[in-house]
Amino acid sequence: MRTLFTLWAAPMAIFWGWFFLSANDMNFGYVMLSRQVHDFAFQLYGQMLGVDPAIIPGMVARTCVFDFFLLMGLWAFRRRRNIAEWIRQRRQGDISPDRLGRATEAGPGLPAE
């Protein structure tokens, strides 16, 4: 699973790092991070996809969120027994009187009291 998360997160970090640096023209002397390359790349993708280049970052962001939930669902499915056991322990576990007392005790008094 770690490998899968890494193989998903590394390209996302590279893309979003490039996107925000090039969108703000923080190029540090690299042509690849310039605003001109940013605009050219999105114009090219817009022409290939037949959409307005301004909506492409939003499309990519929605895809990243969808992929994240898909990966979390896969992770939860693989760990379903552990998660079910944790939930079962939480439902059946008795609360110690000391812990219950700390949760229900009165907090600090107000100055007027």
PDB file of N, CA and C in Angstrom:
ATOM      1  N   MET A   1       0.829  -1.200   0.000  1.00  0.00           N
ATOM      2  CA  MET A   1       0.000   0.000   0.000  1.00  0.00           C
ATOM      3  C   MET A   1       0.866   1.253   0.000  1.00  0.00           C
ATOM      4  N   ARG A   2       1.983   1.206   0.751  1.00  0.00           N
ATOM      5  CA  ARG A   2       2.850   2.392   0.783  1.00  0.00           C
ATOM      6  C   ARG A   2       3.361   2.728  -0.606  1.00  0.00           C
ATOM      7  N   THR A   3       3.699   1.700  -1.363  1.00  0.00           N
ATOM      8  CA  THR A   3       4.193   1.921  -2.716  1.00  0.00           C
ATOM      9  C   THR A   3       3.112   2.556  -3.583  1.00  0.00           C
ATOM     10  N   LEU A   4       1.892   2.061  -3.433  1.00  0.00           N
ATOM     11  CA  LEU A   4       0.780   2.624  -4.203  1.00  0.00           C
ATOM     12  C   LEU A   4       0.547   4.089  -3.842  1.00  0.00           C
ATOM     13  N   PHE A   5       0.554   4.396  -2.531  1.00  0.00           N
ATOM     14  CA  PHE A   5       0.389   5.787  -2.101  1.00  0.00           C
ATOM     15  C   PHE A   5       1.525   6.661  -2.637  1.00  0.00           C
ATOM     16  N   THR A   6       2.745   6.144  -2.592  1.00  0.00           N
ATOM     17  CA  THR A   6       3.892   6.909  -3.082  1.00  0.00           C
ATOM     18  C   THR A   6       3.800   7.140  -4.578  1.00  0.00           C
ATOM     19  N   LEU A   7       3.433   6.098  -5.309  1.00  0.00           N
ATOM     20  CA  LEU A   7       3.310   6.241  -6.767  1.00  0.00           C
ATOM     21  C   LEU A   7       2.174   7.178  -7.164  1.00  0.00           C
ATOM     22  N   TRP A   8       1.212   7.359  -6.278  1.00  0.00           N
ATOM     23  CA  TRP A   8       0.141   8.317  -6.542  1.00  0.00           C
ATOM     24  C   TRP A   8       0.542   9.719  -6.089  1.00  0.00           C
ATOM     25  N   ALA A   9       1.139   9.833  -4.910  1.00  0.00           N
ATOM     26  CA  ALA A   9       1.420  11.148  -4.326  1.00  0.00           C
ATOM     27  C   ALA A   9       2.600  11.860  -4.996  1.00  0.00           C
ATOM     28  N   ALA A  10       3.597  11.135  -5.438  1.00  0.00           N
ATOM     29  CA  ALA A  10       4.778  11.784  -6.029  1.00  0.00           C
ATOM     30  C   ALA A  10       4.429  12.591  -7.286  1.00  0.00           C
ATOM     31  N   PRO A  11       3.711  12.022  -8.261  1.00  0.00           N
ATOM     32  CA  PRO A  11       3.345  12.839  -9.423  1.00  0.00           C
ATOM     33  C   PRO A  11       2.422  14.009  -9.067  1.00  0.00           C
ATOM     34  N   MET A  12       1.551  13.803  -8.072  1.00  0.00           N
ATOM     35  CA  MET A  12       0.675  14.906  -7.651  1.00  0.00           C
ATOM     36  C   MET A  12       1.504  16.045  -7.060  1.00  0.00           C
ATOM     37  N   ALA A  13       2.481  15.717  -6.236  1.00  0.00           N
ATOM     38  CA  ALA A  13       3.335  16.743  -5.638  1.00  0.00           C
ATOM     39  C   ALA A  13       4.143  17.472  -6.710  1.00  0.00           C
ATOM     40  N   ILE A  14       4.641  16.727  -7.672  1.00  0.00           N
ATOM     41  CA  ILE A  14       5.413  17.356  -8.753  1.00  0.00           C
ATOM     42  C   ILE A  14       4.517  18.267  -9.585  1.00  0.00           C
ATOM     43  N   PHE A  15       3.330  17.770  -9.970  1.00  0.00           N
ATOM     44  CA  PHE A  15       2.435  18.586 -10.794  1.00  0.00           C
ATOM     45  C   PHE A  15       1.995  19.848 -10.067  1.00  0.00           C
ATOM     46  N   TRP A  16       1.489  19.689  -8.821  1.00  0.00           N
ATOM     47  CA  TRP A  16       0.982  20.861  -8.110  1.00  0.00           C
ATOM     48  C   TRP A  16       2.109  21.807  -7.732  1.00  0.00           C
ATOM     49  N   GLY A  17       3.294  21.288  -7.463  1.00  0.00           N
ATOM     50  CA  GLY A  17       4.439  22.165  -7.224  1.00  0.00           C
ATOM     51  C   GLY A  17       4.754  22.988  -8.456  1.00  0.00           C
ATOM     52  N   TRP A  18       4.805  22.310  -9.620  1.00  0.00           N
ATOM     53  CA  TRP A  18       5.043  23.036 -10.868  1.00  0.00           C
ATOM     54  C   TRP A  18       3.919  24.031 -11.132  1.00  0.00           C
ATOM     55  N   PHE A  19       2.690  23.598 -10.929  1.00  0.00           N
ATOM     56  CA  PHE A  19       1.559  24.468 -11.234  1.00  0.00           C
ATOM     57  C   PHE A  19       1.606  25.767 -10.439  1.00  0.00           C
ATOM     58  N   PHE A  20       1.766  25.682  -9.114  1.00  0.00           N
ATOM     59  CA  PHE A  20       1.733  26.893  -8.299  1.00  0.00           C
ATOM     60  C   PHE A  20       2.971  27.766  -8.505  1.00  0.00           C
ATOM     61  N   LEU A  21       4.126  27.150  -8.718  1.00  0.00           N
ATOM     62  CA  LEU A  21       5.312  27.963  -8.985  1.00  0.00           C
ATOM     63  C   LEU A  21       5.202  28.667 -10.338  1.00  0.00           C
ATOM     64  N   SER A  22       4.760  27.940 -11.369  1.00  0.00           N
ATOM     65  CA  SER A  22       4.681  28.562 -12.692  1.00  0.00           C
ATOM     66  C   SER A  22       3.506  29.533 -12.792  1.00  0.00           C
ATOM     67  N   ALA A  23       2.403  29.267 -12.088  1.00  0.00           N
ATOM     68  CA  ALA A  23       1.262  30.182 -12.133  1.00  0.00           C
ATOM     69  C   ALA A  23       1.627  31.520 -11.501  1.00  0.00           C
ATOM     70  N   ASN A  24       2.493  31.493 -10.504  1.00  0.00           N
ATOM     71  CA  ASN A  24       2.935  32.725  -9.846  1.00  0.00           C
ATOM     72  C   ASN A  24       4.259  33.237 -10.394  1.00  0.00           C
ATOM     73  N   ASP A  25       4.753  32.628 -11.470  1.00  0.00           N
ATOM     74  CA  ASP A  25       5.988  33.018 -12.159  1.00  0.00           C
ATOM     75  C   ASP A  25       7.187  33.056 -11.216  1.00  0.00           C
ATOM     76  N   MET A  26       7.255  32.093 -10.320  1.00  0.00           N
ATOM     77  CA  MET A  26       8.436  31.938  -9.467  1.00  0.00           C
ATOM     78  C   MET A  26       9.339  30.917 -10.150  1.00  0.00           C
ATOM     79  N   ASN A  27      10.127  31.368 -11.116  1.00  0.00           N
ATOM     80  CA  ASN A  27      10.859  30.421 -11.952  1.00  0.00           C
ATOM     81  C   ASN A  27      12.277  30.125 -11.488  1.00  0.00           C
ATOM     82  N   PHE A  28      12.849  30.897 -10.580  1.00  0.00           N
ATOM     83  CA  PHE A  28      14.196  30.663 -10.057  1.00  0.00           C
ATOM     84  C   PHE A  28      15.216  30.453 -11.167  1.00  0.00           C
ATOM     85  N   GLY A  29      14.969  31.044 -12.323  1.00  0.00           N
ATOM     86  CA  GLY A  29      15.877  30.936 -13.453  1.00  0.00           C
ATOM     87  C   GLY A  29      15.623  29.749 -14.363  1.00  0.00           C
ATOM     88  N   TYR A  30      14.644  28.913 -14.038  1.00  0.00           N
ATOM     89  CA  TYR A  30      14.314  27.760 -14.875  1.00  0.00           C
ATOM     90  C   TYR A  30      13.179  28.134 -15.815  1.00  0.00           C
ATOM     91  N   VAL A  31      13.369  27.855 -17.089  1.00  0.00           N
ATOM     92  CA  VAL A  31      12.352  28.178 -18.083  1.00  0.00           C
ATOM     93  C   VAL A  31      11.086  27.364 -17.824  1.00  0.00           C
ATOM     94  N   MET A  32      11.262  26.131 -17.340  1.00  0.00           N
ATOM     95  CA  MET A  32      10.116  25.245 -17.122  1.00  0.00           C
ATOM     96  C   MET A  32       9.135  25.804 -16.100  1.00  0.00           C
ATOM     97  N   LEU A  33       9.605  26.648 -15.192  1.00  0.00           N
ATOM     98  CA  LEU A  33       8.741  27.219 -14.164  1.00  0.00           C
ATOM     99  C   LEU A  33       8.217  28.606 -14.535  1.00  0.00           C
ATOM    100  N   SER A  34       8.452  29.049 -15.746  1.00  0.00           N
ATOM    101  CA  SER A  34       8.014  30.393 -16.135  1.00  0.00           C
ATOM    102  C   SER A  34       6.524  30.409 -16.483  1.00  0.00           C
ATOM    103  N   ARG A  35       5.962  31.590 -16.419  1.00  0.00           N
ATOM    104  CA  ARG A  35       4.536  31.761 -16.724  1.00  0.00           C
ATOM    105  C   ARG A  35       4.259  31.488 -18.199  1.00  0.00           C
ATOM    106  N   GLN A  36       5.226  31.750 -19.068  1.00  0.00           N
ATOM    107  CA  GLN A  36       5.034  31.503 -20.497  1.00  0.00           C
ATOM    108  C   GLN A  36       4.860  30.005 -20.781  1.00  0.00           C
ATOM    109  N   VAL A  37       5.669  29.173 -20.118  1.00  0.00           N
ATOM    110  CA  VAL A  37       5.536  27.724 -20.301  1.00  0.00           C
ATOM    111  C   VAL A  37       4.212  27.248 -19.699  1.00  0.00           C
ATOM    112  N   HIS A  38       3.836  27.819 -18.566  1.00  0.00           N
ATOM    113  CA  HIS A  38       2.558  27.486 -17.927  1.00  0.00           C
ATOM    114  C   HIS A  38       1.400  27.757 -18.890  1.00  0.00           C
ATOM    115  N   ASP A  39       1.361  28.959 -19.429  1.00  0.00           N
ATOM    116  CA  ASP A  39       0.286  29.320 -20.360  1.00  0.00           C
ATOM    117  C   ASP A  39       0.316  28.458 -21.616  1.00  0.00           C
ATOM    118  N   PHE A  40       1.531  28.199 -22.146  1.00  0.00           N
ATOM    119  CA  PHE A  40       1.647  27.370 -23.344  1.00  0.00           C
ATOM    120  C   PHE A  40       1.139  25.955 -23.078  1.00  0.00           C
ATOM    121  N   ALA A  41       1.513  25.372 -21.933  1.00  0.00           N
ATOM    122  CA  ALA A  41       1.097  24.002 -21.617  1.00  0.00           C
ATOM    123  C   ALA A  41      -0.420  23.906 -21.521  1.00  0.00           C
ATOM    124  N   PHE A  42      -1.047  24.859 -20.852  1.00  0.00           N
ATOM    125  CA  PHE A  42      -2.494  24.779 -20.705  1.00  0.00           C
ATOM    126  C   PHE A  42      -3.217  25.136 -22.003  1.00  0.00           C
ATOM    127  N   GLN A  43      -2.646  25.998 -22.816  1.00  0.00           N
ATOM    128  CA  GLN A  43      -3.232  26.252 -24.143  1.00  0.00           C
ATOM    129  C   GLN A  43      -3.185  24.981 -24.983  1.00  0.00           C
ATOM    130  N   LEU A  44      -2.044  24.281 -24.929  1.00  0.00           N
ATOM    131  CA  LEU A  44      -1.886  23.039 -25.690  1.00  0.00           C
ATOM    132  C   LEU A  44      -2.871  21.976 -25.206  1.00  0.00           C
ATOM    133  N   TYR A  45      -2.959  21.773 -23.892  1.00  0.00           N
ATOM    134  CA  TYR A  45      -3.914  20.801 -23.352  1.00  0.00           C
ATOM    135  C   TYR A  45      -5.352  21.201 -23.666  1.00  0.00           C
ATOM    136  N   GLY A  46      -5.650  22.478 -23.592  1.00  0.00           N
ATOM    137  CA  GLY A  46      -6.989  22.951 -23.916  1.00  0.00           C
ATOM    138  C   GLY A  46      -7.362  22.665 -25.350  1.00  0.00           C
ATOM    139  N   GLN A  47      -6.410  22.876 -26.275  1.00  0.00           N
ATOM    140  CA  GLN A  47      -6.677  22.594 -27.677  1.00  0.00           C
ATOM    141  C   GLN A  47      -6.838  21.096 -27.927  1.00  0.00           C
ATOM    142  N   MET A  48      -6.011  20.281 -27.251  1.00  0.00           N
ATOM    143  CA  MET A  48      -6.112  18.828 -27.439  1.00  0.00           C
ATOM    144  C   MET A  48      -7.432  18.285 -26.901  1.00  0.00           C
ATOM    145  N   LEU A  49      -7.881  18.822 -25.766  1.00  0.00           N
ATOM    146  CA  LEU A  49      -9.114  18.342 -25.155  1.00  0.00           C
ATOM    147  C   LEU A  49     -10.358  19.045 -25.684  1.00  0.00           C
ATOM    148  N   GLY A  50     -10.171  20.185 -26.310  1.00  0.00           N
ATOM    149  CA  GLY A  50     -11.301  20.943 -26.822  1.00  0.00           C
ATOM    150  C   GLY A  50     -12.063  21.667 -25.729  1.00  0.00           C
ATOM    151  N   VAL A  51     -11.356  22.079 -24.654  1.00  0.00           N
ATOM    152  CA  VAL A  51     -11.984  22.798 -23.555  1.00  0.00           C
ATOM    153  C   VAL A  51     -11.219  24.099 -23.309  1.00  0.00           C
ATOM    154  N   ASP A  52     -11.834  24.957 -22.516  1.00  0.00           N
ATOM    155  CA  ASP A  52     -11.186  26.199 -22.132  1.00  0.00           C
ATOM    156  C   ASP A  52     -10.001  25.881 -21.218  1.00  0.00           C
ATOM    157  N   PRO A  53      -8.814  26.398 -21.505  1.00  0.00           N
ATOM    158  CA  PRO A  53      -7.650  26.099 -20.669  1.00  0.00           C
ATOM    159  C   PRO A  53      -7.795  26.531 -19.213  1.00  0.00           C
ATOM    160  N   ALA A  54      -8.668  27.470 -18.933  1.00  0.00           N
ATOM    161  CA  ALA A  54      -8.831  27.953 -17.562  1.00  0.00           C
ATOM    162  C   ALA A  54      -9.511  26.918 -16.662  1.00  0.00           C
ATOM    163  N   ILE A  55     -10.245  25.959 -17.240  1.00  0.00           N
ATOM    164  CA  ILE A  55     -10.936  24.979 -16.390  1.00  0.00           C
ATOM    165  C   ILE A  55     -10.116  23.713 -16.174  1.00  0.00           C
ATOM    166  N   ILE A  56      -8.995  23.577 -16.835  1.00  0.00           N
ATOM    167  CA  ILE A  56      -8.187  22.360 -16.703  1.00  0.00           C
ATOM    168  C   ILE A  56      -7.660  22.168 -15.283  1.00  0.00           C
ATOM    169  N   PRO A  57      -7.130  23.189 -14.588  1.00  0.00           N
ATOM    170  CA  PRO A  57      -6.675  22.952 -13.212  1.00  0.00           C
ATOM    171  C   PRO A  57      -7.794  22.463 -12.287  1.00  0.00           C
ATOM    172  N   GLY A  58      -8.993  22.966 -12.457  1.00  0.00           N
ATOM    173  CA  GLY A  58     -10.119  22.489 -11.661  1.00  0.00           C
ATOM    174  C   GLY A  58     -10.462  21.041 -11.968  1.00  0.00           C
ATOM    175  N   MET A  59     -10.367  20.675 -13.242  1.00  0.00           N
ATOM    176  CA  MET A  59     -10.611  19.285 -13.618  1.00  0.00           C
ATOM    177  C   MET A  59      -9.577  18.364 -12.986  1.00  0.00           C
ATOM    178  N   VAL A  60      -8.329  18.792 -13.003  1.00  0.00           N
ATOM    179  CA  VAL A  60      -7.264  17.987 -12.400  1.00  0.00           C
ATOM    180  C   VAL A  60      -7.465  17.896 -10.892  1.00  0.00           C
ATOM    181  N   ALA A  61      -7.870  18.986 -10.257  1.00  0.00           N
ATOM    182  CA  ALA A  61      -8.094  18.980  -8.805  1.00  0.00           C
ATOM    183  C   ALA A  61      -9.229  18.021  -8.437  1.00  0.00           C
ATOM    184  N   ARG A  62     -10.317  18.041  -9.191  1.00  0.00           N
ATOM    185  CA  ARG A  62     -11.418  17.114  -8.918  1.00  0.00           C
ATOM    186  C   ARG A  62     -10.972  15.673  -9.095  1.00  0.00           C
ATOM    187  N   THR A  63     -10.145  15.424 -10.110  1.00  0.00           N
ATOM    188  CA  THR A  63      -9.624  14.084 -10.331  1.00  0.00           C
ATOM    189  C   THR A  63      -8.733  13.643  -9.179  1.00  0.00           C
ATOM    190  N   CYS A  64      -7.918  14.554  -8.660  1.00  0.00           N
ATOM    191  CA  CYS A  64      -7.048  14.233  -7.524  1.00  0.00           C
ATOM    192  C   CYS A  64      -7.878  13.890  -6.292  1.00  0.00           C
ATOM    193  N   VAL A  65      -8.930  14.632  -6.044  1.00  0.00           N
ATOM    194  CA  VAL A  65      -9.794  14.349  -4.891  1.00  0.00           C
ATOM    195  C   VAL A  65     -10.486  12.999  -5.075  1.00  0.00           C
ATOM    196  N   PHE A  66     -10.974  12.726  -6.268  1.00  0.00           N
ATOM    197  CA  PHE A  66     -11.608  11.437  -6.553  1.00  0.00           C
ATOM    198  C   PHE A  66     -10.621  10.300  -6.347  1.00  0.00           C
ATOM    199  N   ASP A  67      -9.401  10.450  -6.872  1.00  0.00           N
ATOM    200  CA  ASP A  67      -8.373   9.428  -6.691  1.00  0.00           C
ATOM    201  C   ASP A  67      -8.038   9.218  -5.222  1.00  0.00           C
ATOM    202  N   PHE A  68      -7.995  10.312  -4.448  1.00  0.00           N
ATOM    203  CA  PHE A  68      -7.709  10.203  -3.020  1.00  0.00           C
ATOM    204  C   PHE A  68      -8.767   9.361  -2.325  1.00  0.00           C
ATOM    205  N   PHE A  69     -10.039   9.638  -2.594  1.00  0.00           N
ATOM    206  CA  PHE A  69     -11.108   8.862  -1.968  1.00  0.00           C
ATOM    207  C   PHE A  69     -11.106   7.413  -2.457  1.00  0.00           C
ATOM    208  N   LEU A  70     -10.751   7.193  -3.696  1.00  0.00           N
ATOM    209  CA  LEU A  70     -10.636   5.837  -4.220  1.00  0.00           C
ATOM    210  C   LEU A  70      -9.531   5.072  -3.501  1.00  0.00           C
ATOM    211  N   LEU A  71      -8.385   5.702  -3.313  1.00  0.00           N
ATOM    212  CA  LEU A  71      -7.292   5.063  -2.581  1.00  0.00           C
ATOM    213  C   LEU A  71      -7.640   4.827  -1.119  1.00  0.00           C
ATOM    214  N   MET A  72      -8.320   5.787  -0.483  1.00  0.00           N
ATOM    215  CA  MET A  72      -8.718   5.598   0.912  1.00  0.00           C
ATOM    216  C   MET A  72      -9.740   4.464   1.032  1.00  0.00           C
ATOM    217  N   GLY A  73     -10.626   4.346   0.051  1.00  0.00           N
ATOM    218  CA  GLY A  73     -11.575   3.238   0.044  1.00  0.00           C
ATOM    219  C   GLY A  73     -10.874   1.900  -0.113  1.00  0.00           C
ATOM    220  N   LEU A  74      -9.873   1.843  -0.969  1.00  0.00           N
ATOM    221  CA  LEU A  74      -9.087   0.628  -1.141  1.00  0.00           C
ATOM    222  C   LEU A  74      -8.336   0.290   0.148  1.00  0.00           C
ATOM    223  N   TRP A  75      -7.753   1.296   0.770  1.00  0.00           N
ATOM    224  CA  TRP A  75      -7.026   1.093   2.032  1.00  0.00           C
ATOM    225  C   TRP A  75      -7.992   0.593   3.116  1.00  0.00           C
ATOM    226  N   ALA A  76      -9.162   1.221   3.224  1.00  0.00           N
ATOM    227  CA  ALA A  76     -10.143   0.818   4.234  1.00  0.00           C
ATOM    228  C   ALA A  76     -10.651  -0.602   3.958  1.00  0.00           C
ATOM    229  N   PHE A  77     -10.816  -0.962   2.690  1.00  0.00           N
ATOM    230  CA  PHE A  77     -11.260  -2.313   2.360  1.00  0.00           C
ATOM    231  C   PHE A  77     -10.223  -3.342   2.789  1.00  0.00           C
ATOM    232  N   ARG A  78      -8.959  -3.024   2.569  1.00  0.00           N
ATOM    233  CA  ARG A  78      -7.894  -3.947   2.964  1.00  0.00           C
ATOM    234  C   ARG A  78      -7.761  -4.053   4.476  1.00  0.00           C
ATOM    235  N   ARG A  79      -8.114  -3.012   5.193  1.00  0.00           N
ATOM    236  CA  ARG A  79      -8.003  -2.994   6.655  1.00  0.00           C
ATOM    237  C   ARG A  79      -9.357  -3.164   7.340  1.00  0.00           C
ATOM    238  N   ARG A  80     -10.348  -3.667   6.630  1.00  0.00           N
ATOM    239  CA  ARG A  80     -11.710  -3.705   7.161  1.00  0.00           C
ATOM    240  C   ARG A  80     -11.823  -4.518   8.442  1.00  0.00           C
ATOM    241  N   ARG A  81     -11.068  -5.591   8.579  1.00  0.00           N
ATOM    242  CA  ARG A  81     -11.142  -6.379   9.811  1.00  0.00           C
ATOM    243  C   ARG A  81     -10.593  -5.594  10.996  1.00  0.00           C
ATOM    244  N   ASN A  82      -9.481  -4.922  10.815  1.00  0.00           N
ATOM    245  CA  ASN A  82      -8.909  -4.102  11.885  1.00  0.00           C
ATOM    246  C   ASN A  82      -9.842  -2.957  12.265  1.00  0.00           C
ATOM    247  N   ILE A  83     -10.438  -2.324  11.260  1.00  0.00           N
ATOM    248  CA  ILE A  83     -11.349  -1.208  11.514  1.00  0.00           C
ATOM    249  C   ILE A  83     -12.603  -1.697  12.226  1.00  0.00           C
ATOM    250  N   ALA A  84     -13.139  -2.850  11.801  1.00  0.00           N
ATOM    251  CA  ALA A  84     -14.331  -3.407  12.449  1.00  0.00           C
ATOM    252  C   ALA A  84     -14.025  -3.782  13.894  1.00  0.00           C
ATOM    253  N   GLU A  85     -12.857  -4.338  14.151  1.00  0.00           N
ATOM    254  CA  GLU A  85     -12.478  -4.686  15.527  1.00  0.00           C
ATOM    255  C   GLU A  85     -12.330  -3.430  16.384  1.00  0.00           C
ATOM    256  N   TRP A  86     -11.759  -2.386  15.837  1.00  0.00           N
ATOM    257  CA  TRP A  86     -11.606  -1.128  16.573  1.00  0.00           C
ATOM    258  C   TRP A  86     -12.971  -0.540  16.933  1.00  0.00           C
ATOM    259  N   ILE A  87     -13.903  -0.575  15.982  1.00  0.00           N
ATOM    260  CA  ILE A  87     -15.257  -0.064  16.234  1.00  0.00           C
ATOM    261  C   ILE A  87     -15.950  -0.924  17.288  1.00  0.00           C
ATOM    262  N   ARG A  88     -15.802  -2.238  17.177  1.00  0.00           N
ATOM    263  CA  ARG A  88     -16.406  -3.147  18.153  1.00  0.00           C
ATOM    264  C   ARG A  88     -15.861  -2.875  19.557  1.00  0.00           C
ATOM    265  N   GLN A  89     -14.574  -2.652  19.677  1.00  0.00           N
ATOM    266  CA  GLN A  89     -13.981  -2.353  20.982  1.00  0.00           C
ATOM    267  C   GLN A  89     -14.510  -1.037  21.532  1.00  0.00           C
ATOM    268  N   ARG A  90     -14.687  -0.064  20.689  1.00  0.00           N
ATOM    269  CA  ARG A  90     -15.196   1.233  21.129  1.00  0.00           C
ATOM    270  C   ARG A  90     -16.634   1.134  21.613  1.00  0.00           C
ATOM    271  N   ARG A  91     -17.437   0.316  20.969  1.00  0.00           N
ATOM    272  CA  ARG A  91     -18.841   0.183  21.356  1.00  0.00           C
ATOM    273  C   ARG A  91     -19.016  -0.634  22.630  1.00  0.00           C
ATOM    274  N   GLN A  92     -18.219  -1.681  22.788  1.00  0.00           N
ATOM    275  CA  GLN A  92     -18.385  -2.575  23.922  1.00  0.00           C
ATOM    276  C   GLN A  92     -17.541  -2.195  25.122  1.00  0.00           C
ATOM    277  N   GLY A  93     -16.530  -1.408  24.920  1.00  0.00           N
ATOM    278  CA  GLY A  93     -15.607  -1.096  26.006  1.00  0.00           C
ATOM    279  C   GLY A  93     -16.264  -0.273  27.100  1.00  0.00           C
ATOM    280  N   ASP A  94     -16.045  -0.710  28.355  1.00  0.00           N
ATOM    281  CA  ASP A  94     -16.559   0.048  29.491  1.00  0.00           C
ATOM    282  C   ASP A  94     -15.655   1.244  29.750  1.00  0.00           C
ATOM    283  N   ILE A  95     -16.264   2.312  30.172  1.00  0.00           N
ATOM    284  CA  ILE A  95     -15.506   3.515  30.501  1.00  0.00           C
ATOM    285  C   ILE A  95     -15.148   3.443  31.974  1.00  0.00           C
ATOM    286  N   SER A  96     -13.873   3.639  32.270  1.00  0.00           N
ATOM    287  CA  SER A  96     -13.442   3.566  33.664  1.00  0.00           C
ATOM    288  C   SER A  96     -14.050   4.741  34.442  1.00  0.00           C
ATOM    289  N   PRO A  97     -14.332   4.539  35.737  1.00  0.00           N
ATOM    290  CA  PRO A  97     -14.916   5.625  36.543  1.00  0.00           C
ATOM    291  C   PRO A  97     -14.027   6.872  36.589  1.00  0.00           C
ATOM    292  N   ASP A  98     -12.710   6.657  36.575  1.00  0.00           N
ATOM    293  CA  ASP A  98     -11.801   7.800  36.601  1.00  0.00           C
ATOM    294  C   ASP A  98     -11.945   8.639  35.328  1.00  0.00           C
ATOM    295  N   ARG A  99     -11.992   7.951  34.186  1.00  0.00           N
ATOM    296  CA  ARG A  99     -12.144   8.667  32.909  1.00  0.00           C
ATOM    297  C   ARG A  99     -13.503   9.346  32.817  1.00  0.00           C
ATOM    298  N   LEU A 100     -14.542   8.675  33.295  1.00  0.00           N
ATOM    299  CA  LEU A 100     -15.882   9.254  33.294  1.00  0.00           C
ATOM    300  C   LEU A 100     -15.935  10.489  34.187  1.00  0.00           C
ATOM    301  N   GLY A 101     -15.274  10.420  35.339  1.00  0.00           N
ATOM    302  CA  GLY A 101     -15.247  11.568  36.247  1.00  0.00           C
ATOM    303  C   GLY A 101     -14.547  12.767  35.637  1.00  0.00           C
ATOM    304  N   ARG A 102     -13.450  12.521  34.910  1.00  0.00           N
ATOM    305  CA  ARG A 102     -12.743  13.633  34.267  1.00  0.00           C
ATOM    306  C   ARG A 102     -13.584  14.263  33.166  1.00  0.00           C
ATOM    307  N   ALA A 103     -14.374  13.465  32.492  1.00  0.00           N
ATOM    308  CA  ALA A 103     -15.191  13.978  31.391  1.00  0.00           C
ATOM    309  C   ALA A 103     -16.398  14.758  31.889  1.00  0.00           C
ATOM    310  N   THR A 104     -16.906  14.410  33.064  1.00  0.00           N
ATOM    311  CA  THR A 104     -18.138  15.042  33.529  1.00  0.00           C
ATOM    312  C   THR A 104     -17.928  16.042  34.648  1.00  0.00           C
ATOM    313  N   GLU A 105     -16.725  16.187  35.129  1.00  0.00           N
ATOM    314  CA  GLU A 105     -16.512  17.116  36.243  1.00  0.00           C
ATOM    315  C   GLU A 105     -16.669  18.567  35.794  1.00  0.00           C
ATOM    316  N   ALA A 106     -17.000  19.385  36.730  1.00  0.00           N
ATOM    317  CA  ALA A 106     -17.175  20.808  36.417  1.00  0.00           C
ATOM    318  C   ALA A 106     -15.808  21.411  36.121  1.00  0.00           C
ATOM    319  N   GLY A 107     -15.788  22.258  35.137  1.00  0.00           N
ATOM    320  CA  GLY A 107     -14.549  22.927  34.765  1.00  0.00           C
ATOM    321  C   GLY A 107     -14.232  24.072  35.695  1.00  0.00           C
ATOM    322  N   PRO A 108     -13.298  24.915  35.311  1.00  0.00           N
ATOM    323  CA  PRO A 108     -12.953  26.056  36.171  1.00  0.00           C
ATOM    324  C   PRO A 108     -14.157  26.969  36.371  1.00  0.00           C
ATOM    325  N   GLY A 109     -14.288  27.486  37.574  1.00  0.00           N
ATOM    326  CA  GLY A 109     -15.421  28.365  37.885  1.00  0.00           C
ATOM    327  C   GLY A 109     -15.245  29.754  37.297  1.00  0.00           C
ATOM    328  N   LEU A 110     -16.350  30.388  37.055  1.00  0.00           N
ATOM    329  CA  LEU A 110     -16.307  31.746  36.538  1.00  0.00           C
ATOM    330  C   LEU A 110     -15.923  32.706  37.679  1.00  0.00           C
ATOM    331  N   PRO A 111     -15.306  33.847  37.355  1.00  0.00           N
ATOM    332  CA  PRO A 111     -14.899  34.788  38.405  1.00  0.00           C
ATOM    333  C   PRO A 111     -16.067  35.295  39.255  1.00  0.00           C
ATOM    334  N   ALA A 112     -17.257  35.366  38.693  1.00  0.00           N
ATOM    335  CA  ALA A 112     -18.414  35.887  39.451  1.00  0.00           C
ATOM    336  C   ALA A 112     -18.985  34.846  40.402  1.00  0.00           C
ATOM    337  N   GLU A 113     -18.571  33.629  40.293  1.00  0.00           N
ATOM    338  CA  GLU A 113     -19.153  32.576  41.143  1.00  0.00           C
ATOM    339  C   GLU A 113     -18.503  32.513  42.499  1.00  0.00           C
TER     340      GLU A 113
END
